Amino acid sequence: MGHAVLHEGENILFLSNNTLAVTERYERQANLFAAELLLDDYIFKEYQGCTLEHISKCSCIPYNLVRYKAKNLDDDTL
């Protein structure tokens, strides 16, 4: 979904498979979009003291997105 919203008109799969274009930036942007869409900041307060793996399992959100969201939170949120 992040690619569809953020990179409209870009064929990321084609670029990554058939060109030398660096698509890492597109992936980071799409992952951040997904993390922001799926995880409210409050979840880290609700699960304060829990591991990111535990938060991932309890919220049914992929671990990589939970970790990405946690890395991009303001210190005030935690």
PDB file of N, CA and C in Angstrom:
ATOM      1  N   MET A   1       0.825  -1.189   0.000  1.00  0.00           N
ATOM      2  CA  MET A   1       0.000   0.000   0.000  1.00  0.00           C
ATOM      3  C   MET A   1       0.872   1.257   0.000  1.00  0.00           C
ATOM      4  N   GLY A   2       1.949   1.228   0.774  1.00  0.00           N
ATOM      5  CA  GLY A   2       2.848   2.378   0.829  1.00  0.00           C
ATOM      6  C   GLY A   2       3.397   2.730  -0.536  1.00  0.00           C
ATOM      7  N   HIS A   3       3.752   1.706  -1.308  1.00  0.00           N
ATOM      8  CA  HIS A   3       4.275   1.971  -2.645  1.00  0.00           C
ATOM      9  C   HIS A   3       3.201   2.599  -3.532  1.00  0.00           C
ATOM     10  N   ALA A   4       1.976   2.104  -3.421  1.00  0.00           N
ATOM     11  CA  ALA A   4       0.891   2.630  -4.252  1.00  0.00           C
ATOM     12  C   ALA A   4       0.611   4.091  -3.944  1.00  0.00           C
ATOM     13  N   VAL A   5       0.673   4.459  -2.674  1.00  0.00           N
ATOM     14  CA  VAL A   5       0.380   5.834  -2.269  1.00  0.00           C
ATOM     15  C   VAL A   5       1.579   6.750  -2.495  1.00  0.00           C
ATOM     16  N   LEU A   6       2.751   6.296  -2.090  1.00  0.00           N
ATOM     17  CA  LEU A   6       3.937   7.155  -2.116  1.00  0.00           C
ATOM     18  C   LEU A   6       4.669   7.164  -3.450  1.00  0.00           C
ATOM     19  N   HIS A   7       4.577   6.077  -4.185  1.00  0.00           N
ATOM     20  CA  HIS A   7       5.382   5.949  -5.397  1.00  0.00           C
ATOM     21  C   HIS A   7       4.510   5.656  -6.614  1.00  0.00           C
ATOM     22  N   GLU A   8       3.431   6.380  -6.706  1.00  0.00           N
ATOM     23  CA  GLU A   8       2.508   6.194  -7.825  1.00  0.00           C
ATOM     24  C   GLU A   8       3.255   6.401  -9.142  1.00  0.00           C
ATOM     25  N   GLY A   9       3.075   5.484 -10.046  1.00  0.00           N
ATOM     26  CA  GLY A   9       3.719   5.585 -11.350  1.00  0.00           C
ATOM     27  C   GLY A   9       5.107   4.967 -11.396  1.00  0.00           C
ATOM     28  N   GLU A  10       5.634   4.561 -10.259  1.00  0.00           N
ATOM     29  CA  GLU A  10       6.948   3.909 -10.204  1.00  0.00           C
ATOM     30  C   GLU A  10       6.729   2.400 -10.113  1.00  0.00           C
ATOM     31  N   ASN A  11       7.397   1.658 -10.943  1.00  0.00           N
ATOM     32  CA  ASN A  11       7.320   0.201 -10.878  1.00  0.00           C
ATOM     33  C   ASN A  11       8.536  -0.288 -10.101  1.00  0.00           C
ATOM     34  N   ILE A  12       8.396  -0.343  -8.779  1.00  0.00           N
ATOM     35  CA  ILE A  12       9.508  -0.671  -7.898  1.00  0.00           C
ATOM     36  C   ILE A  12      10.031  -2.077  -8.176  1.00  0.00           C
ATOM     37  N   LEU A  13       9.139  -3.027  -8.382  1.00  0.00           N
ATOM     38  CA  LEU A  13       9.558  -4.404  -8.651  1.00  0.00           C
ATOM     39  C   LEU A  13      10.396  -4.467  -9.925  1.00  0.00           C
ATOM     40  N   PHE A  14       9.953  -3.784 -10.963  1.00  0.00           N
ATOM     41  CA  PHE A  14      10.717  -3.762 -12.210  1.00  0.00           C
ATOM     42  C   PHE A  14      12.075  -3.105 -11.996  1.00  0.00           C
ATOM     43  N   LEU A  15      12.081  -1.972 -11.304  1.00  0.00           N
ATOM     44  CA  LEU A  15      13.342  -1.266 -11.064  1.00  0.00           C
ATOM     45  C   LEU A  15      14.341  -2.129 -10.306  1.00  0.00           C
ATOM     46  N   SER A  16      13.868  -2.815  -9.281  1.00  0.00           N
ATOM     47  CA  SER A  16      14.793  -3.609  -8.463  1.00  0.00           C
ATOM     48  C   SER A  16      15.277  -4.861  -9.187  1.00  0.00           C
ATOM     49  N   ASN A  17      14.450  -5.425 -10.052  1.00  0.00           N
ATOM     50  CA  ASN A  17      14.828  -6.662 -10.741  1.00  0.00           C
ATOM     51  C   ASN A  17      15.560  -6.453 -12.058  1.00  0.00           C
ATOM     52  N   ASN A  18      15.354  -5.313 -12.703  1.00  0.00           N
ATOM     53  CA  ASN A  18      15.850  -5.155 -14.071  1.00  0.00           C
ATOM     54  C   ASN A  18      16.754  -3.956 -14.300  1.00  0.00           C
ATOM     55  N   THR A  19      17.028  -3.194 -13.279  1.00  0.00           N
ATOM     56  CA  THR A  19      17.889  -2.025 -13.462  1.00  0.00           C
ATOM     57  C   THR A  19      18.888  -1.953 -12.317  1.00  0.00           C
ATOM     58  N   LEU A  20      19.767  -1.005 -12.417  1.00  0.00           N
ATOM     59  CA  LEU A  20      20.735  -0.769 -11.349  1.00  0.00           C
ATOM     60  C   LEU A  20      20.236   0.295 -10.380  1.00  0.00           C
ATOM     61  N   ALA A  21      18.997   0.699 -10.533  1.00  0.00           N
ATOM     62  CA  ALA A  21      18.427   1.731  -9.661  1.00  0.00           C
ATOM     63  C   ALA A  21      18.411   1.246  -8.218  1.00  0.00           C
ATOM     64  N   VAL A  22      18.716   2.136  -7.327  1.00  0.00           N
ATOM     65  CA  VAL A  22      18.708   1.808  -5.902  1.00  0.00           C
ATOM     66  C   VAL A  22      17.297   2.044  -5.377  1.00  0.00           C
ATOM     67  N   THR A  23      16.648   0.974  -4.940  1.00  0.00           N
ATOM     68  CA  THR A  23      15.256   1.072  -4.487  1.00  0.00           C
ATOM     69  C   THR A  23      15.151   1.042  -2.966  1.00  0.00           C
ATOM     70  N   GLU A  24      16.276   1.031  -2.280  1.00  0.00           N
ATOM     71  CA  GLU A  24      16.276   0.965  -0.818  1.00  0.00           C
ATOM     72  C   GLU A  24      15.491   2.124  -0.199  1.00  0.00           C
ATOM     73  N   ARG A  25      15.632   3.311  -0.769  1.00  0.00           N
ATOM     74  CA  ARG A  25      14.914   4.481  -0.248  1.00  0.00           C
ATOM     75  C   ARG A  25      13.403   4.271  -0.364  1.00  0.00           C
ATOM     76  N   TYR A  26      12.960   3.729  -1.493  1.00  0.00           N
ATOM     77  CA  TYR A  26      11.538   3.454  -1.681  1.00  0.00           C
ATOM     78  C   TYR A  26      11.037   2.460  -0.635  1.00  0.00           C
ATOM     79  N   GLU A  27      11.830   1.434  -0.371  1.00  0.00           N
ATOM     80  CA  GLU A  27      11.447   0.427   0.617  1.00  0.00           C
ATOM     81  C   GLU A  27      11.347   1.028   2.013  1.00  0.00           C
ATOM     82  N   ARG A  28      12.311   1.869   2.385  1.00  0.00           N
ATOM     83  CA  ARG A  28      12.274   2.525   3.702  1.00  0.00           C
ATOM     84  C   ARG A  28      11.025   3.382   3.841  1.00  0.00           C
ATOM     85  N   GLN A  29      10.714   4.151   2.810  1.00  0.00           N
ATOM     86  CA  GLN A  29       9.527   5.010   2.844  1.00  0.00           C
ATOM     87  C   GLN A  29       8.253   4.178   2.965  1.00  0.00           C
ATOM     88  N   ALA A  30       8.162   3.106   2.204  1.00  0.00           N
ATOM     89  CA  ALA A  30       6.971   2.248   2.252  1.00  0.00           C
ATOM     90  C   ALA A  30       6.844   1.565   3.612  1.00  0.00           C
ATOM     91  N   ASN A  31       7.970   1.136   4.184  1.00  0.00           N
ATOM     92  CA  ASN A  31       7.934   0.502   5.510  1.00  0.00           C
ATOM     93  C   ASN A  31       7.509   1.488   6.584  1.00  0.00           C
ATOM     94  N   LEU A  32       8.006   2.705   6.518  1.00  0.00           N
ATOM     95  CA  LEU A  32       7.605   3.720   7.491  1.00  0.00           C
ATOM     96  C   LEU A  32       6.117   4.028   7.352  1.00  0.00           C
ATOM     97  N   PHE A  33       5.628   4.129   6.132  1.00  0.00           N
ATOM     98  CA  PHE A  33       4.207   4.364   5.882  1.00  0.00           C
ATOM     99  C   PHE A  33       3.372   3.250   6.517  1.00  0.00           C
ATOM    100  N   ALA A  34       3.771   1.999   6.279  1.00  0.00           N
ATOM    101  CA  ALA A  34       3.031   0.855   6.832  1.00  0.00           C
ATOM    102  C   ALA A  34       3.073   0.860   8.355  1.00  0.00           C
ATOM    103  N   ALA A  35       4.240   1.139   8.913  1.00  0.00           N
ATOM    104  CA  ALA A  35       4.374   1.159  10.375  1.00  0.00           C
ATOM    105  C   ALA A  35       3.493   2.239  10.988  1.00  0.00           C
ATOM    106  N   GLU A  36       3.468   3.409  10.379  1.00  0.00           N
ATOM    107  CA  GLU A  36       2.638   4.504  10.894  1.00  0.00           C
ATOM    108  C   GLU A  36       1.155   4.186  10.748  1.00  0.00           C
ATOM    109  N   LEU A  37       0.799   3.537   9.660  1.00  0.00           N
ATOM    110  CA  LEU A  37      -0.603   3.199   9.414  1.00  0.00           C
ATOM    111  C   LEU A  37      -1.100   2.123  10.385  1.00  0.00           C
ATOM    112  N   LEU A  38      -0.281   1.136  10.656  1.00  0.00           N
ATOM    113  CA  LEU A  38      -0.711  -0.020  11.440  1.00  0.00           C
ATOM    114  C   LEU A  38      -0.522   0.113  12.943  1.00  0.00           C
ATOM    115  N   LEU A  39       0.401   0.967  13.374  1.00  0.00           N
ATOM    116  CA  LEU A  39       0.742   1.041  14.801  1.00  0.00           C
ATOM    117  C   LEU A  39       0.566   2.447  15.346  1.00  0.00           C
ATOM    118  N   ASP A  40      -0.336   2.592  16.298  1.00  0.00           N
ATOM    119  CA  ASP A  40      -0.453   3.863  17.011  1.00  0.00           C
ATOM    120  C   ASP A  40       0.676   3.954  18.024  1.00  0.00           C
ATOM    121  N   ASP A  41       1.110   5.169  18.306  1.00  0.00           N
ATOM    122  CA  ASP A  41       2.193   5.368  19.275  1.00  0.00           C
ATOM    123  C   ASP A  41       1.833   4.809  20.648  1.00  0.00           C
ATOM    124  N   TYR A  42       0.546   4.856  21.004  1.00  0.00           N
ATOM    125  CA  TYR A  42       0.128   4.428  22.343  1.00  0.00           C
ATOM    126  C   TYR A  42       0.463   2.968  22.625  1.00  0.00           C
ATOM    127  N   ILE A  43       0.599   2.153  21.593  1.00  0.00           N
ATOM    128  CA  ILE A  43       0.853   0.726  21.821  1.00  0.00           C
ATOM    129  C   ILE A  43       2.150   0.508  22.594  1.00  0.00           C
ATOM    130  N   PHE A  44       3.107   1.420  22.430  1.00  0.00           N
ATOM    131  CA  PHE A  44       4.375   1.267  23.136  1.00  0.00           C
ATOM    132  C   PHE A  44       4.231   1.639  24.608  1.00  0.00           C
ATOM    133  N   LYS A  45       3.264   2.492  24.920  1.00  0.00           N
ATOM    134  CA  LYS A  45       2.968   2.782  26.330  1.00  0.00           C
ATOM    135  C   LYS A  45       2.178   1.628  26.940  1.00  0.00           C
ATOM    136  N   GLU A  46       1.244   1.103  26.155  1.00  0.00           N
ATOM    137  CA  GLU A  46       0.413  -0.011  26.622  1.00  0.00           C
ATOM    138  C   GLU A  46       1.266  -1.242  26.933  1.00  0.00           C
ATOM    139  N   TYR A  47       2.282  -1.465  26.137  1.00  0.00           N
ATOM    140  CA  TYR A  47       3.160  -2.625  26.312  1.00  0.00           C
ATOM    141  C   TYR A  47       4.526  -2.219  26.873  1.00  0.00           C
ATOM    142  N   GLN A  48       4.543  -1.157  27.641  1.00  0.00           N
ATOM    143  CA  GLN A  48       5.803  -0.673  28.208  1.00  0.00           C
ATOM    144  C   GLN A  48       6.480  -1.791  29.001  1.00  0.00           C
ATOM    145  N   GLY A  49       7.764  -1.973  28.770  1.00  0.00           N
ATOM    146  CA  GLY A  49       8.515  -3.025  29.444  1.00  0.00           C
ATOM    147  C   GLY A  49       8.535  -4.341  28.688  1.00  0.00           C
ATOM    148  N   CYS A  50       7.738  -4.440  27.637  1.00  0.00           N
ATOM    149  CA  CYS A  50       7.695  -5.663  26.833  1.00  0.00           C
ATOM    150  C   CYS A  50       8.696  -5.574  25.684  1.00  0.00           C
ATOM    151  N   THR A  51       9.092  -6.712  25.192  1.00  0.00           N
ATOM    152  CA  THR A  51      10.000  -6.736  24.049  1.00  0.00           C
ATOM    153  C   THR A  51       9.233  -6.386  22.775  1.00  0.00           C
ATOM    154  N   LEU A  52       9.976  -5.965  21.771  1.00  0.00           N
ATOM    155  CA  LEU A  52       9.348  -5.673  20.483  1.00  0.00           C
ATOM    156  C   LEU A  52       8.745  -6.941  19.887  1.00  0.00           C
ATOM    157  N   GLU A  53       9.379  -8.066  20.122  1.00  0.00           N
ATOM    158  CA  GLU A  53       8.845  -9.341  19.636  1.00  0.00           C
ATOM    159  C   GLU A  53       7.478  -9.632  20.267  1.00  0.00           C
ATOM    160  N   HIS A  54       7.346  -9.362  21.552  1.00  0.00           N
ATOM    161  CA  HIS A  54       6.073  -9.564  22.252  1.00  0.00           C
ATOM    162  C   HIS A  54       5.001  -8.628  21.681  1.00  0.00           C
ATOM    163  N   ILE A  55       5.363  -7.374  21.475  1.00  0.00           N
ATOM    164  CA  ILE A  55       4.419  -6.408  20.894  1.00  0.00           C
ATOM    165  C   ILE A  55       3.982  -6.889  19.519  1.00  0.00           C
ATOM    166  N   SER A  56       4.923  -7.373  18.737  1.00  0.00           N
ATOM    167  CA  SER A  56       4.625  -7.877  17.398  1.00  0.00           C
ATOM    168  C   SER A  56       3.619  -9.026  17.456  1.00  0.00           C
ATOM    169  N   LYS A  57       3.865  -9.979  18.330  1.00  0.00           N
ATOM    170  CA  LYS A  57       2.970 -11.141  18.439  1.00  0.00           C
ATOM    171  C   LYS A  57       1.587 -10.747  18.940  1.00  0.00           C
ATOM    172  N   CYS A  58       1.534  -9.871  19.937  1.00  0.00           N
ATOM    173  CA  CYS A  58       0.243  -9.472  20.518  1.00  0.00           C
ATOM    174  C   CYS A  58      -0.583  -8.611  19.569  1.00  0.00           C
ATOM    175  N   SER A  59       0.081  -7.820  18.752  1.00  0.00           N
ATOM    176  CA  SER A  59      -0.635  -6.915  17.853  1.00  0.00           C
ATOM    177  C   SER A  59      -0.808  -7.489  16.451  1.00  0.00           C
ATOM    178  N   CYS A  60      -0.204  -8.662  16.206  1.00  0.00           N
ATOM    179  CA  CYS A  60      -0.256  -9.299  14.877  1.00  0.00           C
ATOM    180  C   CYS A  60       0.315  -8.396  13.783  1.00  0.00           C
ATOM    181  N   ILE A  61       1.317  -7.624  14.159  1.00  0.00           N
ATOM    182  CA  ILE A  61       2.012  -6.746  13.221  1.00  0.00           C
ATOM    183  C   ILE A  61       3.405  -7.333  13.014  1.00  0.00           C
ATOM    184  N   PRO A  62       3.880  -7.418  11.774  1.00  0.00           N
ATOM    185  CA  PRO A  62       5.206  -7.985  11.542  1.00  0.00           C
ATOM    186  C   PRO A  62       6.293  -7.302  12.384  1.00  0.00           C
ATOM    187  N   TYR A  63       7.201  -8.123  12.893  1.00  0.00           N
ATOM    188  CA  TYR A  63       8.257  -7.634  13.779  1.00  0.00           C
ATOM    189  C   TYR A  63       9.048  -6.492  13.150  1.00  0.00           C
ATOM    190  N   ASN A  64       9.377  -6.615  11.857  1.00  0.00           N
ATOM    191  CA  ASN A  64      10.195  -5.572  11.234  1.00  0.00           C
ATOM    192  C   ASN A  64       9.496  -4.216  11.254  1.00  0.00           C
ATOM    193  N   LEU A  65       8.167  -4.194  11.178  1.00  0.00           N
ATOM    194  CA  LEU A  65       7.447  -2.918  11.236  1.00  0.00           C
ATOM    195  C   LEU A  65       7.393  -2.376  12.658  1.00  0.00           C
ATOM    196  N   VAL A  66       7.230  -3.257  13.641  1.00  0.00           N
ATOM    197  CA  VAL A  66       7.242  -2.826  15.049  1.00  0.00           C
ATOM    198  C   VAL A  66       8.606  -2.233  15.380  1.00  0.00           C
ATOM    199  N   ARG A  67       9.651  -2.907  14.957  1.00  0.00           N
ATOM    200  CA  ARG A  67      11.017  -2.421  15.210  1.00  0.00           C
ATOM    201  C   ARG A  67      11.252  -1.084  14.510  1.00  0.00           C
ATOM    202  N   TYR A  68      10.787  -0.976  13.268  1.00  0.00           N
ATOM    203  CA  TYR A  68      10.963   0.259  12.508  1.00  0.00           C
ATOM    204  C   TYR A  68      10.241   1.419  13.181  1.00  0.00           C
ATOM    205  N   LYS A  69       9.015   1.162  13.615  1.00  0.00           N
ATOM    206  CA  LYS A  69       8.227   2.198  14.301  1.00  0.00           C
ATOM    207  C   LYS A  69       8.915   2.611  15.595  1.00  0.00           C
ATOM    208  N   ALA A  70       9.399   1.645  16.361  1.00  0.00           N
ATOM    209  CA  ALA A  70      10.065   1.941  17.635  1.00  0.00           C
ATOM    210  C   ALA A  70      11.311   2.787  17.410  1.00  0.00           C
ATOM    211  N   LYS A  71      12.048   2.495  16.363  1.00  0.00           N
ATOM    212  CA  LYS A  71      13.261   3.263  16.066  1.00  0.00           C
ATOM    213  C   LYS A  71      12.942   4.697  15.674  1.00  0.00           C
ATOM    214  N   ASN A  72      11.750   4.929  15.143  1.00  0.00           N
ATOM    215  CA  ASN A  72      11.389   6.250  14.644  1.00  0.00           C
ATOM    216  C   ASN A  72      10.476   7.031  15.581  1.00  0.00           C
ATOM    217  N   LEU A  73      10.278   6.535  16.797  1.00  0.00           N
ATOM    218  CA  LEU A  73       9.451   7.244  17.776  1.00  0.00           C
ATOM    219  C   LEU A  73      10.225   8.382  18.419  1.00  0.00           C
ATOM    220  N   ASP A  74       9.504   9.409  18.818  1.00  0.00           N
ATOM    221  CA  ASP A  74      10.093  10.465  19.640  1.00  0.00           C
ATOM    222  C   ASP A  74      10.340   9.900  21.028  1.00  0.00           C
ATOM    223  N   ASP A  75      11.339  10.414  21.717  1.00  0.00           N
ATOM    224  CA  ASP A  75      11.621   9.970  23.084  1.00  0.00           C
ATOM    225  C   ASP A  75      10.441  10.230  24.016  1.00  0.00           C
ATOM    226  N   ASP A  76       9.630  11.262  23.730  1.00  0.00           N
ATOM    227  CA  ASP A  76       8.475  11.599  24.567  1.00  0.00           C
ATOM    228  C   ASP A  76       7.427  10.486  24.560  1.00  0.00           C
ATOM    229  N   THR A  77       7.367   9.746  23.459  1.00  0.00           N
ATOM    230  CA  THR A  77       6.330   8.734  23.296  1.00  0.00           C
ATOM    231  C   THR A  77       6.567   7.532  24.189  1.00  0.00           C
ATOM    232  N   LEU A  78       7.820   7.193  24.413  1.00  0.00           N
ATOM    233  CA  LEU A  78       8.126   5.984  25.193  1.00  0.00           C
ATOM    234  C   LEU A  78       8.010   6.195  26.659  1.00  0.00           C
TER     235      LEU A  78
END
